[in-house]
Amino acid sequence: MAANGYGNLTVGAGVTMNGTMTVPGEAVIDGAVDGTLTASAVHVTENGQINGVTTAEHVRIAGKVTQTTVAKNTLVIETSGTAAGNIAYANLEIAKGGNIQGQISILK
């Protein structure tokens, strides 16, 4: 995460963003993103949704992520989380109740 919160992105509840986003720090998604999101870390809250291509070192999902997810280091799917589509990760943690479905690849 970037120092002092600089370079971070928060998409609040009720907010919808479309397009290509590059975030040098952490992206917290409590609203909806439709497009391509690249960040150091991505946290999708219970209310959050991403539909598109998500790429980060660390991805934590409590909401819903669809299409393509690439977690270069760690993918964490929380109890309320769903990851669907093409999913790639180096390390995986799924809480009881978490859901993962689609084409799954392990990164080396």
C-alpha atoms as a PDB file:
ATOM      1  CA  MET A   1       0.000   0.000   0.000  1.00  0.00           C
ATOM      2  CA  ALA A   2       1.237   3.488  -0.789  1.00  0.00           C
ATOM      3  CA  ALA A   3       2.393   5.570   2.188  1.00  0.00           C
ATOM      4  CA  ASN A   4      -0.150   7.971   3.723  1.00  0.00           C
ATOM      5  CA  GLY A   5      -2.921   6.677   1.471  1.00  0.00           C
ATOM      6  CA  TYR A   6      -1.501   8.373  -1.628  1.00  0.00           C
ATOM      7  CA  GLY A   7      -2.133   6.443  -4.799  1.00  0.00           C
ATOM      8  CA  ASN A   8      -5.103   4.567  -3.319  1.00  0.00           C
ATOM      9  CA  LEU A   9      -8.626   4.350  -4.737  1.00  0.00           C
ATOM     10  CA  THR A  10     -11.944   3.892  -2.953  1.00  0.00           C
ATOM     11  CA  VAL A  11     -15.119   3.266  -4.936  1.00  0.00           C
ATOM     12  CA  GLY A  12     -17.860   3.947  -2.421  1.00  0.00           C
ATOM     13  CA  ALA A  13     -21.257   2.313  -2.052  1.00  0.00           C
ATOM     14  CA  GLY A  14     -23.615   3.453  -4.798  1.00  0.00           C
ATOM     15  CA  VAL A  15     -20.763   4.540  -7.089  1.00  0.00           C
ATOM     16  CA  THR A  16     -20.248   2.888 -10.486  1.00  0.00           C
ATOM     17  CA  MET A  17     -16.972   3.288 -12.396  1.00  0.00           C
ATOM     18  CA  ASN A  18     -16.374   2.200 -15.990  1.00  0.00           C
ATOM     19  CA  GLY A  19     -13.103   2.019 -17.883  1.00  0.00           C
ATOM     20  CA  THR A  20      -9.445   1.255 -17.241  1.00  0.00           C
ATOM     21  CA  MET A  21      -7.984   2.074 -13.821  1.00  0.00           C
ATOM     22  CA  THR A  22      -4.373   1.791 -12.704  1.00  0.00           C
ATOM     23  CA  VAL A  23      -3.859   2.226  -8.966  1.00  0.00           C
ATOM     24  CA  PRO A  24      -0.318   2.260  -7.523  1.00  0.00           C
ATOM     25  CA  GLY A  25      -1.617   1.429  -4.029  1.00  0.00           C
ATOM     26  CA  GLU A  26      -4.770  -0.284  -2.777  1.00  0.00           C
ATOM     27  CA  ALA A  27      -8.175  -0.222  -4.473  1.00  0.00           C
ATOM     28  CA  VAL A  28     -11.148  -0.720  -2.128  1.00  0.00           C
ATOM     29  CA  ILE A  29     -14.349  -1.473  -4.026  1.00  0.00           C
ATOM     30  CA  ASP A  30     -17.602  -0.988  -2.111  1.00  0.00           C
ATOM     31  CA  GLY A  31     -19.510   0.036  -5.245  1.00  0.00           C
ATOM     32  CA  ALA A  32     -19.277  -1.330  -8.784  1.00  0.00           C
ATOM     33  CA  VAL A  33     -16.441  -1.404 -11.323  1.00  0.00           C
ATOM     34  CA  ASP A  34     -16.930  -2.445 -14.935  1.00  0.00           C
ATOM     35  CA  GLY A  35     -13.668  -2.599 -16.858  1.00  0.00           C
ATOM     36  CA  THR A  36      -9.993  -3.185 -16.151  1.00  0.00           C
ATOM     37  CA  LEU A  37      -8.519  -2.617 -12.681  1.00  0.00           C
ATOM     38  CA  THR A  38      -4.805  -3.002 -11.980  1.00  0.00           C
ATOM     39  CA  ALA A  39      -3.510  -2.260  -8.475  1.00  0.00           C
ATOM     40  CA  SER A  40      -0.992  -3.329  -5.874  1.00  0.00           C
ATOM     41  CA  ALA A  41      -3.867  -4.689  -3.774  1.00  0.00           C
ATOM     42  CA  VAL A  42      -7.608  -4.988  -4.377  1.00  0.00           C
ATOM     43  CA  HIS A  43     -10.221  -5.401  -1.639  1.00  0.00           C
ATOM     44  CA  VAL A  44     -13.800  -6.005  -2.766  1.00  0.00           C
ATOM     45  CA  THR A  45     -16.162  -5.500   0.181  1.00  0.00           C
ATOM     46  CA  GLU A  46     -19.425  -7.413   0.710  1.00  0.00           C
ATOM     47  CA  ASN A  47     -21.284  -4.739  -1.293  1.00  0.00           C
ATOM     48  CA  GLY A  48     -18.594  -4.473  -3.977  1.00  0.00           C
ATOM     49  CA  GLN A  49     -18.629  -5.875  -7.496  1.00  0.00           C
ATOM     50  CA  ILE A  50     -16.063  -5.996 -10.279  1.00  0.00           C
ATOM     51  CA  ASN A  51     -16.957  -7.151 -13.778  1.00  0.00           C
ATOM     52  CA  GLY A  52     -13.896  -7.210 -16.008  1.00  0.00           C
ATOM     53  CA  VAL A  53     -10.165  -7.812 -15.625  1.00  0.00           C
ATOM     54  CA  THR A  54      -8.736  -7.500 -12.106  1.00  0.00           C
ATOM     55  CA  THR A  55      -4.969  -7.772 -11.594  1.00  0.00           C
ATOM     56  CA  ALA A  56      -3.053  -7.250  -8.331  1.00  0.00           C
ATOM     57  CA  GLU A  57      -0.422  -8.763  -6.064  1.00  0.00           C
ATOM     58  CA  HIS A  58      -3.081  -9.336  -3.403  1.00  0.00           C
ATOM     59  CA  VAL A  59      -6.824  -9.716  -4.022  1.00  0.00           C
ATOM     60  CA  ARG A  60      -9.379 -10.040  -1.192  1.00  0.00           C
ATOM     61  CA  ILE A  61     -12.978 -10.745  -2.209  1.00  0.00           C
ATOM     62  CA  ALA A  62     -15.976 -10.418   0.109  1.00  0.00           C
ATOM     63  CA  GLY A  63     -18.305  -9.332  -2.717  1.00  0.00           C
ATOM     64  CA  LYS A  64     -18.400 -10.538  -6.323  1.00  0.00           C
ATOM     65  CA  VAL A  65     -15.711 -10.535  -9.024  1.00  0.00           C
ATOM     66  CA  THR A  66     -16.446 -11.869 -12.510  1.00  0.00           C
ATOM     67  CA  GLN A  67     -14.554 -12.390 -15.789  1.00  0.00           C
ATOM     68  CA  THR A  68     -10.764 -12.431 -15.171  1.00  0.00           C
ATOM     69  CA  THR A  69      -8.954 -12.272 -11.815  1.00  0.00           C
ATOM     70  CA  VAL A  70      -5.169 -12.493 -11.503  1.00  0.00           C
ATOM     71  CA  ALA A  71      -3.685 -12.500  -7.992  1.00  0.00           C
ATOM     72  CA  LYS A  72       0.073 -12.543  -8.532  1.00  0.00           C
ATOM     73  CA  ASN A  73       0.616 -13.420  -4.885  1.00  0.00           C
ATOM     74  CA  THR A  74      -2.461 -14.038  -2.722  1.00  0.00           C
ATOM     75  CA  LEU A  75      -6.152 -14.547  -3.475  1.00  0.00           C
ATOM     76  CA  VAL A  76      -8.423 -14.541  -0.423  1.00  0.00           C
ATOM     77  CA  ILE A  77     -12.110 -15.329  -0.823  1.00  0.00           C
ATOM     78  CA  GLU A  78     -14.075 -14.477   2.286  1.00  0.00           C
ATOM     79  CA  THR A  79     -17.275 -16.185   3.491  1.00  0.00           C
ATOM     80  CA  SER A  80     -19.523 -13.882   1.441  1.00  0.00           C
ATOM     81  CA  GLY A  81     -17.167 -13.726  -1.559  1.00  0.00           C
ATOM     82  CA  THR A  82     -17.546 -15.088  -5.087  1.00  0.00           C
ATOM     83  CA  ALA A  83     -14.881 -15.224  -7.783  1.00  0.00           C
ATOM     84  CA  ALA A  84     -16.123 -16.449 -11.162  1.00  0.00           C
ATOM     85  CA  GLY A  85     -14.507 -16.701 -14.594  1.00  0.00           C
ATOM     86  CA  ASN A  86     -10.817 -17.091 -15.405  1.00  0.00           C
ATOM     87  CA  ILE A  87      -8.947 -17.074 -12.100  1.00  0.00           C
ATOM     88  CA  ALA A  88      -5.188 -17.252 -11.572  1.00  0.00           C
ATOM     89  CA  TYR A  89      -3.336 -17.064  -8.251  1.00  0.00           C
ATOM     90  CA  ALA A  90      -0.061 -17.996  -6.562  1.00  0.00           C
ATOM     91  CA  ASN A  91      -1.571 -18.650  -3.109  1.00  0.00           C
ATOM     92  CA  LEU A  92      -5.233 -19.272  -2.294  1.00  0.00           C
ATOM     93  CA  GLU A  93      -7.298 -18.981   0.872  1.00  0.00           C
ATOM     94  CA  ILE A  94     -11.047 -19.660   0.827  1.00  0.00           C
ATOM     95  CA  ALA A  95     -13.169 -19.166   3.932  1.00  0.00           C
ATOM     96  CA  LYS A  96     -16.031 -21.555   4.586  1.00  0.00           C
ATOM     97  CA  GLY A  97     -18.900 -20.338   2.416  1.00  0.00           C
ATOM     98  CA  GLY A  98     -16.636 -18.601  -0.099  1.00  0.00           C
ATOM     99  CA  ASN A  99     -17.236 -19.500  -3.734  1.00  0.00           C
ATOM    100  CA  ILE A 100     -14.824 -19.940  -6.630  1.00  0.00           C
ATOM    101  CA  GLN A 101     -15.959 -21.138 -10.058  1.00  0.00           C
ATOM    102  CA  GLY A 102     -14.574 -21.197 -13.569  1.00  0.00           C
ATOM    103  CA  GLN A 103     -11.181 -21.832 -15.139  1.00  0.00           C
ATOM    104  CA  ILE A 104      -8.597 -21.907 -12.353  1.00  0.00           C
ATOM    105  CA  SER A 105      -4.813 -21.649 -12.798  1.00  0.00           C
ATOM    106  CA  ILE A 106      -1.997 -21.696 -10.259  1.00  0.00           C
ATOM    107  CA  LEU A 107       0.820 -19.214 -10.945  1.00  0.00           C
ATOM    108  CA  LYS A 108       4.382 -20.315 -10.265  1.00  0.00           C
END
